[in-house]
Amino acid sequence: MRTLTREELARCNGRDGAPAYIAYGGRVYDASASFLWRGGRHQARHLAGRDYTAGLQGAPHGADLLERLPLVGFLVESDSDPAPPRSE
C-alpha cells in the first residue's frame, strides 16, 4: 500500500488530470470516480487533496461513507515514516 505525505496529498486535488484523493483517519481514499467529487470539489466547498479527519464532524454523513471509496494508501508526516498498521 502506498504512503503519501501531506504535500503529495495536496497535489492529488482532482484538477488538471490529477486524481482526487482525500484523507481521513490516516487513510487516503480515491474519490476520482465519484460524481460527488467531480473536478476535485464536493458540495462546492470541500476540496480534494486535503485531510478531513478533523472536519468531518459537521458533515451530514459519517466516515462509513468514505469506506465506499477505494483505499489507495496511508497519510504519513514524512517520507521516512512507516505506513500505519492496517486495522482490518
Foldseek 3Di string as FASTA:
>chain_A
DDEDELVRLQVQFQAPPHFFWEAEPFWIFTCRPPPCCHSQDHPNPDTGSYYCHPPCPPPPDDCVVRVVTDTDAGYDNDPPDDGDDDPD
